[in-house]
Amino acid sequence: MKKILFAALMCCTLQATAQTEITPYKPGVNAEGVTYILPRTALRVDLLVEVNRYTPGEYAKYAERYLRVKDVAIEPSETWTIKEIHMDVFGKPDTTKVYTLKLKDKTIAPMVKLSDDGMLLAINAEPQQTTPFEGYTTEKSGRKLDSRQYMTEEILMAGSNAKTAQLCAQEIYSIRESKNLLNRGQADYMPTDGKQMEIMINNLNEQENALAQLFLGYTLSETKTYTFYVDPTGDMDKEVLFRFSRRLGVVDTDDLAGYPVFISIKDQHTVPAPVEGLDVRKKAIRLDGIQYNVPSKAKVEIFSEQQPLVNAEVAFGQFGNVETLSSVLFNKRTDTKVVFYDQTGGVKSIDE
């Protein structure tokens, strides 16, 4: 964050007149003051998706015969699902709204605080920047177990897949019976305490699951994140934000393999339209002070044909007007403190 003390900046160049000037910044002109930028409002859309990758078991076709489990998939598959979506609002420099502040000798020298990219955040006060969304945390789940380490010698010596599947199924039933005997307290070797009981049950579950994967297969799950940025200059009507396929996940906006997810932004015109055609004198009066945004609210929707995903009302700096805080607020009789919204450039608070 930049902190600029105007007294140090201007002590050698102040003229003997009585008011503060704000003039539009012109590239290449070295103004005697500090150039600041008003923000425009942009959107960041974070998407959390989950992909489940299924691998069929080696003996999947025997699952119904030996385990009485129907409709077990025998082909690998990949399924993508949208888990969460989050929309964040942030400010970025609006290069059409760049101004230079000049102080003259009968005004105080305010402390102006800018963001690292030059956006106006506060005057004579500490800025209150919005904490950005840090994004989703990705994770993985599921695992392939080593079935062979739980196979008996008889299983390993079986001469066909059908025989191996039959013996593996018998071993699964045997493990289940052992768990039932433990739970009933009828096992030949009962554990001495609850902790030992838990260890034995967990070990038997691991064996059963490893052998069951030979029939039922296994699924590895993983979450992934995607980020999209939207910088509107006006209304947006059902524009494609991204496309999504249950088989492929997020695909390009022109890839018809995925269905479209749209974004619509409609300005609600919550502030009056700017006054056009001001004469030179009135424009000079308008520039005599600190420029700031008066944002207009807009309705933002993100949706697909299947379901709505985001429905929010957002204030956009570029949809409103630019107004002026009078230089009277910063004369030698006052020490006005002003804080601006970093997302929109609007006034958050004014304290004298």
Protein backbone atom coordinates (compact mmCIF):
# COMPACT_ATOMS: atom_id res chain seq x y z
CA MET A 1 0.00 0.00 0.00
CA LYS A 2 1.28 3.44 -0.91
CA LYS A 3 1.26 6.26 1.67
CA ILE A 4 1.85 9.77 0.34
CA LEU A 5 2.33 12.85 2.52
CA PHE A 6 1.47 15.82 0.39
CA ALA A 7 3.31 18.35 2.56
CA ALA A 8 6.64 16.79 1.66
CA LEU A 9 5.65 16.43 -1.96
CA MET A 10 4.37 19.94 -2.52
CA CYS A 11 6.49 22.22 -0.28
CA CYS A 12 8.67 23.45 -3.15
CA THR A 13 5.95 23.98 -5.74
CA LEU A 14 2.83 25.41 -4.06
CA GLN A 15 1.39 28.59 -5.54
CA ALA A 16 -0.20 31.44 -3.55
CA THR A 17 -3.84 30.63 -4.26
CA ALA A 18 -6.52 29.24 -2.01
CA GLN A 19 -8.04 26.00 -3.25
CA THR A 20 -7.35 22.38 -4.13
CA GLU A 21 -7.46 21.40 -7.82
CA ILE A 22 -8.32 18.05 -9.35
CA THR A 23 -7.59 17.68 -13.06
CA PRO A 24 -8.00 14.69 -15.33
CA TYR A 25 -4.67 12.93 -15.75
CA LYS A 26 -3.05 13.22 -19.15
CA PRO A 27 -0.41 10.64 -20.04
CA GLY A 28 3.01 12.20 -20.24
CA VAL A 29 2.12 15.27 -18.12
CA ASN A 30 4.07 15.56 -14.86
CA ALA A 31 1.44 17.10 -12.61
CA GLU A 32 2.44 18.74 -9.33
CA GLY A 33 0.56 16.35 -7.15
CA VAL A 34 -0.38 12.75 -6.72
CA THR A 35 -2.16 10.81 -9.40
CA TYR A 36 -4.79 8.37 -8.20
CA ILE A 37 -7.17 6.01 -9.94
CA LEU A 38 -10.76 5.13 -9.21
CA PRO A 39 -11.66 1.43 -9.36
CA ARG A 40 -13.99 -0.43 -11.64
CA THR A 41 -15.76 -3.46 -10.20
CA ALA A 42 -14.95 -6.93 -11.48
CA LEU A 43 -16.11 -10.42 -10.53
CA ARG A 44 -14.12 -13.51 -9.68
CA VAL A 45 -16.01 -16.80 -9.89
CA ASP A 46 -14.44 -19.82 -8.17
CA LEU A 47 -15.73 -23.26 -9.07
CA LEU A 48 -15.18 -26.43 -7.04
CA VAL A 49 -15.81 -29.64 -8.96
CA GLU A 50 -15.42 -33.29 -8.03
CA VAL A 51 -14.34 -36.06 -10.36
CA ASN A 52 -15.02 -39.72 -9.49
CA ARG A 53 -12.94 -42.23 -11.46
CA TYR A 54 -14.32 -45.75 -11.26
CA THR A 55 -12.20 -48.81 -12.06
CA PRO A 56 -14.11 -52.11 -12.33
CA GLY A 57 -13.00 -55.16 -10.37
CA GLU A 58 -11.08 -57.97 -11.98
CA TYR A 59 -13.98 -60.34 -11.24
CA ALA A 60 -16.84 -57.86 -11.72
CA LYS A 61 -18.78 -60.24 -13.93
CA TYR A 62 -18.93 -62.77 -11.06
CA ALA A 63 -20.30 -60.28 -8.51
CA GLU A 64 -23.92 -61.32 -8.91
CA ARG A 65 -23.14 -65.04 -8.94
CA TYR A 66 -20.97 -65.19 -5.85
CA LEU A 67 -21.83 -62.05 -3.82
CA ARG A 68 -25.45 -61.56 -4.93
CA VAL A 69 -24.67 -57.97 -5.98
CA LYS A 70 -26.52 -56.88 -9.12
CA ASP A 71 -25.72 -54.30 -11.79
CA VAL A 72 -22.01 -54.01 -11.05
CA ALA A 73 -20.35 -51.89 -13.76
CA ILE A 74 -17.78 -53.76 -15.81
CA GLU A 75 -16.44 -50.70 -17.69
CA PRO A 76 -14.33 -47.86 -16.26
CA SER A 77 -16.03 -44.49 -16.00
CA GLU A 78 -15.39 -40.89 -14.99
CA THR A 79 -18.09 -38.63 -13.55
CA TRP A 80 -17.76 -34.89 -12.88
CA THR A 81 -20.02 -32.91 -10.55
CA ILE A 82 -20.19 -29.22 -9.60
CA LYS A 83 -19.89 -29.16 -5.80
CA GLU A 84 -19.75 -25.43 -4.99
CA ILE A 85 -19.53 -22.04 -6.67
CA HIS A 86 -18.43 -18.78 -5.07
CA MET A 87 -18.56 -15.28 -6.52
CA ASP A 88 -16.22 -12.59 -5.19
CA VAL A 89 -16.18 -8.87 -5.98
CA PHE A 90 -12.98 -6.88 -6.31
CA GLY A 91 -11.78 -3.53 -7.61
CA LYS A 92 -9.29 -3.01 -10.41
CA PRO A 93 -7.88 0.28 -11.72
CA ASP A 94 -10.15 2.06 -14.19
CA THR A 95 -7.78 3.79 -16.59
CA THR A 96 -10.60 6.09 -17.75
CA LYS A 97 -10.81 7.58 -14.25
CA VAL A 98 -7.33 8.81 -13.41
CA TYR A 99 -6.92 12.13 -11.58
CA THR A 100 -4.13 14.24 -10.13
CA LEU A 101 -4.54 16.02 -6.83
CA LYS A 102 -2.89 19.47 -6.48
CA LEU A 103 -2.76 21.29 -3.18
CA LYS A 104 -2.40 25.04 -2.85
CA ASP A 105 -1.05 27.04 0.02
CA LYS A 106 -4.19 27.63 2.12
CA THR A 107 -5.20 24.02 2.42
CA ILE A 108 -3.94 21.34 4.74
CA ALA A 109 -1.71 18.53 3.43
CA PRO A 110 -3.78 15.35 3.77
CA MET A 111 -2.38 11.86 4.01
CA VAL A 112 -3.63 10.03 0.95
CA LYS A 113 -3.38 6.25 0.93
CA LEU A 114 -3.39 4.32 -2.29
CA SER A 115 -3.36 0.64 -3.14
CA ASP A 116 -0.25 -0.82 -4.73
CA ASP A 117 -1.78 -0.26 -8.16
CA GLY A 118 -2.74 3.36 -7.44
CA MET A 119 -6.39 3.13 -6.42
CA LEU A 120 -7.64 5.67 -3.87
CA LEU A 121 -8.37 3.98 -0.52
CA ALA A 122 -8.44 6.63 2.20
CA ILE A 123 -7.64 10.22 3.15
CA ASN A 124 -6.37 11.01 6.67
CA ALA A 125 -7.52 7.54 7.77
CA GLU A 126 -6.54 3.90 7.70
CA PRO A 127 -8.01 2.06 4.71
CA GLN A 128 -10.28 -0.92 5.24
CA GLN A 129 -9.54 -3.23 2.35
CA THR A 130 -11.79 -6.22 1.73
CA THR A 131 -10.32 -9.62 2.50
CA PRO A 132 -10.42 -11.59 -0.76
CA PHE A 133 -11.74 -15.12 -1.02
CA GLU A 134 -8.78 -17.47 -0.68
CA GLY A 135 -10.19 -20.16 -2.93
CA TYR A 136 -11.29 -23.70 -2.27
CA THR A 137 -9.08 -26.41 -0.80
CA THR A 138 -8.72 -29.47 -3.00
CA GLU A 139 -8.59 -33.01 -1.66
CA LYS A 140 -8.42 -36.63 -2.75
CA SER A 141 -10.24 -39.66 -1.37
CA GLY A 142 -10.56 -43.37 -1.99
CA ARG A 143 -7.76 -45.86 -2.57
CA LYS A 144 -6.99 -49.09 -4.32
CA LEU A 145 -6.28 -51.86 -1.84
CA ASP A 146 -3.83 -54.71 -2.38
CA SER A 147 -6.14 -57.71 -2.61
CA ARG A 148 -3.43 -60.30 -3.13
CA GLN A 149 -1.97 -59.90 0.35
CA TYR A 150 -5.23 -61.23 1.80
CA MET A 151 -5.56 -64.22 -0.53
CA THR A 152 -5.04 -67.66 0.93
CA GLU A 153 -2.75 -70.21 -0.69
CA GLU A 154 -5.76 -72.02 -2.07
CA ILE A 155 -6.95 -68.85 -3.79
CA LEU A 156 -3.55 -68.14 -5.27
CA MET A 157 -3.30 -71.68 -6.62
CA ALA A 158 -6.71 -71.62 -8.31
CA GLY A 159 -6.52 -72.56 -11.96
CA SER A 160 -9.17 -70.23 -13.43
CA ASN A 161 -10.72 -66.84 -12.91
CA ALA A 162 -14.05 -68.39 -12.06
CA LYS A 163 -12.49 -70.59 -9.38
CA THR A 164 -10.45 -67.70 -7.98
CA ALA A 165 -13.59 -65.53 -7.82
CA GLN A 166 -15.48 -68.31 -6.02
CA LEU A 167 -12.73 -68.78 -3.42
CA CYS A 168 -12.40 -65.02 -2.89
CA ALA A 169 -16.15 -64.79 -2.30
CA GLN A 170 -15.94 -67.64 0.22
CA GLU A 171 -13.14 -65.80 2.02
CA ILE A 172 -15.29 -62.65 2.18
CA TYR A 173 -18.12 -64.64 3.78
CA SER A 174 -15.65 -66.17 6.23
CA ILE A 175 -14.41 -62.71 7.24
CA ARG A 176 -17.97 -61.52 7.76
CA GLU A 177 -18.68 -64.51 9.95
CA SER A 178 -15.57 -63.73 12.05
CA LYS A 179 -16.82 -60.17 12.58
CA ASN A 180 -20.24 -61.43 13.62
CA LEU A 181 -18.72 -63.80 16.17
CA LEU A 182 -16.58 -60.99 17.61
CA ASN A 183 -19.57 -58.68 17.91
CA ARG A 184 -21.58 -61.43 19.65
CA GLY A 185 -18.73 -62.31 21.99
CA GLN A 186 -18.62 -65.87 20.62
CA ALA A 187 -15.20 -65.88 18.93
CA ASP A 188 -12.62 -68.45 20.02
CA TYR A 189 -10.17 -65.66 20.80
CA MET A 190 -11.97 -62.66 22.18
CA PRO A 191 -10.11 -59.34 22.63
CA THR A 192 -9.20 -58.33 26.17
CA ASP A 193 -10.43 -54.73 25.91
CA GLY A 194 -12.31 -52.32 23.70
CA LYS A 195 -9.19 -51.00 21.98
CA GLN A 196 -8.05 -54.45 20.94
CA MET A 197 -11.59 -55.17 19.73
CA GLU A 198 -11.53 -52.04 17.55
CA ILE A 199 -8.17 -53.03 16.04
CA MET A 200 -9.40 -56.53 15.20
CA ILE A 201 -12.63 -55.30 13.61
CA ASN A 202 -10.75 -52.67 11.55
CA ASN A 203 -8.31 -55.30 10.34
CA LEU A 204 -11.13 -57.59 9.25
CA ASN A 205 -12.87 -54.68 7.48
CA GLU A 206 -9.65 -53.94 5.59
CA GLN A 207 -9.42 -57.56 4.45
CA GLU A 208 -13.04 -57.68 3.37
CA ASN A 209 -12.83 -54.38 1.46
CA ALA A 210 -9.65 -55.45 -0.32
CA LEU A 211 -11.21 -58.68 -1.55
CA ALA A 212 -14.54 -57.00 -2.35
CA GLN A 213 -12.73 -54.58 -4.69
CA LEU A 214 -12.02 -57.60 -6.92
CA PHE A 215 -15.77 -57.74 -7.58
CA LEU A 216 -17.11 -54.24 -6.96
CA GLY A 217 -14.14 -52.23 -8.19
CA TYR A 218 -13.00 -49.01 -6.56
CA THR A 219 -13.52 -45.27 -7.02
CA LEU A 220 -10.89 -42.56 -6.62
CA SER A 221 -12.32 -39.10 -5.98
CA GLU A 222 -10.60 -35.77 -6.45
CA THR A 223 -11.72 -32.15 -6.25
CA LYS A 224 -10.43 -29.49 -8.62
CA THR A 225 -10.85 -25.72 -8.74
CA TYR A 226 -11.34 -23.33 -11.64
CA THR A 227 -11.39 -19.54 -11.62
CA PHE A 228 -13.14 -17.20 -14.06
CA TYR A 229 -12.94 -13.40 -14.21
CA VAL A 230 -15.67 -11.08 -15.46
CA ASP A 231 -15.03 -7.36 -16.08
CA PRO A 232 -18.32 -5.93 -17.33
CA THR A 233 -18.57 -2.65 -19.20
CA GLY A 234 -22.35 -2.83 -19.32
CA ASP A 235 -25.25 -5.24 -19.09
CA MET A 236 -24.58 -8.86 -19.99
CA ASP A 237 -27.44 -11.05 -21.15
CA LYS A 238 -26.98 -14.81 -20.82
CA GLU A 239 -23.34 -14.89 -21.88
CA VAL A 240 -21.48 -18.19 -21.60
CA LEU A 241 -19.17 -18.20 -18.57
CA PHE A 242 -17.99 -21.78 -19.07
CA ARG A 243 -19.23 -25.15 -20.27
CA PHE A 244 -19.49 -28.27 -18.16
CA SER A 245 -19.68 -31.94 -19.02
CA ARG A 246 -20.43 -34.78 -16.61
CA ARG A 247 -17.92 -36.89 -18.53
CA LEU A 248 -15.21 -34.29 -19.17
CA GLY A 249 -15.64 -31.62 -16.51
CA VAL A 250 -14.99 -27.96 -17.39
CA VAL A 251 -14.45 -27.48 -21.13
CA ASP A 252 -13.89 -24.44 -23.36
CA THR A 253 -16.77 -22.06 -23.98
CA ASP A 254 -16.96 -23.16 -27.62
CA ASP A 255 -16.80 -26.89 -26.86
CA LEU A 256 -20.28 -28.28 -27.41
CA ALA A 257 -19.39 -31.44 -25.47
CA GLY A 258 -20.40 -29.51 -22.35
CA TYR A 259 -23.62 -27.70 -21.50
CA PRO A 260 -23.34 -23.91 -21.06
CA VAL A 261 -23.28 -22.11 -17.73
CA PHE A 262 -24.40 -18.51 -18.27
CA ILE A 263 -23.89 -15.18 -16.55
CA SER A 264 -26.29 -12.25 -16.75
CA ILE A 265 -25.66 -8.78 -15.29
CA LYS A 266 -28.38 -6.14 -15.36
CA ASP A 267 -27.82 -2.61 -14.09
CA GLN A 268 -30.67 -1.60 -11.77
CA HIS A 269 -29.92 2.12 -12.28
CA THR A 270 -30.02 2.90 -8.57
CA VAL A 271 -28.28 6.27 -9.08
CA PRO A 272 -29.36 9.13 -11.41
CA ALA A 273 -27.78 9.31 -14.83
CA PRO A 274 -24.77 11.67 -15.04
CA VAL A 275 -25.40 15.22 -16.17
CA GLU A 276 -24.16 15.71 -19.71
CA GLY A 277 -22.99 18.89 -21.43
CA LEU A 278 -21.54 20.80 -18.46
CA ASP A 279 -19.81 24.03 -19.49
CA VAL A 280 -16.14 24.66 -18.75
CA ARG A 281 -16.83 26.60 -15.53
CA LYS A 282 -19.09 23.93 -14.09
CA LYS A 283 -16.61 21.23 -15.01
CA ALA A 284 -13.92 23.15 -13.14
CA ILE A 285 -16.17 23.33 -10.07
CA ARG A 286 -16.81 19.59 -10.31
CA LEU A 287 -13.05 18.97 -10.37
CA ASP A 288 -12.39 21.14 -7.32
CA GLY A 289 -12.10 18.35 -4.75
CA ILE A 290 -11.64 14.60 -4.48
CA GLN A 291 -13.28 12.49 -7.16
CA TYR A 292 -15.08 9.30 -6.11
CA ASN A 293 -17.51 6.79 -7.55
CA VAL A 294 -21.21 6.62 -6.74
CA PRO A 295 -21.82 2.99 -7.74
CA SER A 296 -25.02 1.60 -9.14
CA LYS A 297 -26.38 -1.77 -8.09
CA ALA A 298 -26.81 -4.56 -10.59
CA LYS A 299 -28.43 -7.98 -10.50
CA VAL A 300 -25.98 -10.82 -11.15
CA GLU A 301 -27.13 -14.31 -12.03
CA ILE A 302 -25.06 -17.40 -12.84
CA PHE A 303 -27.11 -20.35 -14.02
CA SER A 304 -27.48 -23.26 -16.37
CA GLU A 305 -30.58 -24.63 -18.02
CA GLN A 306 -30.62 -27.22 -15.24
CA GLN A 307 -30.31 -25.02 -12.15
CA PRO A 308 -29.55 -21.55 -10.74
CA LEU A 309 -26.08 -21.25 -9.17
CA VAL A 310 -25.68 -17.61 -8.05
CA ASN A 311 -28.26 -14.87 -7.58
CA ALA A 312 -26.89 -11.67 -6.04
CA GLU A 313 -27.08 -7.89 -6.06
CA VAL A 314 -23.70 -6.23 -6.58
CA ALA A 315 -22.62 -2.57 -6.59
CA PHE A 316 -20.52 -1.69 -9.65
CA GLY A 317 -18.37 1.44 -9.71
CA GLN A 318 -18.43 1.70 -13.51
CA PHE A 319 -22.23 1.63 -13.65
CA GLY A 320 -22.67 4.75 -11.51
CA ASN A 321 -21.39 8.33 -11.58
CA VAL A 322 -18.25 10.18 -10.57
CA GLU A 323 -18.92 12.84 -7.93
CA THR A 324 -16.74 15.25 -5.97
CA LEU A 325 -15.88 15.70 -2.31
CA SER A 326 -15.50 19.44 -1.95
CA SER A 327 -12.07 20.86 -1.16
CA VAL A 328 -13.77 22.67 1.77
CA LEU A 329 -13.56 19.36 3.63
CA PHE A 330 -9.78 19.55 3.52
CA ASN A 331 -9.06 23.20 4.37
CA LYS A 332 -7.03 24.29 7.35
CA ARG A 333 -10.04 24.30 9.69
CA THR A 334 -10.88 20.64 9.18
CA ASP A 335 -9.09 17.32 9.22
CA THR A 336 -11.69 15.21 7.45
CA LYS A 337 -11.16 11.46 7.43
CA VAL A 338 -12.53 9.60 4.43
CA VAL A 339 -12.47 5.86 3.72
CA PHE A 340 -13.46 4.45 0.32
CA TYR A 341 -14.68 1.01 -0.69
CA ASP A 342 -11.82 -0.68 -2.50
CA GLN A 343 -14.28 -2.72 -4.61
CA THR A 344 -16.31 0.20 -6.00
CA GLY A 345 -14.57 3.47 -5.19
CA GLY A 346 -17.62 4.69 -3.28
CA VAL A 347 -17.42 6.53 0.04
CA LYS A 348 -17.54 4.15 3.00
CA SER A 349 -17.26 6.70 5.79
CA ILE A 350 -16.60 10.41 6.37
CA ASP A 351 -15.56 11.73 9.81
CA GLU A 352 -14.61 15.29 10.62
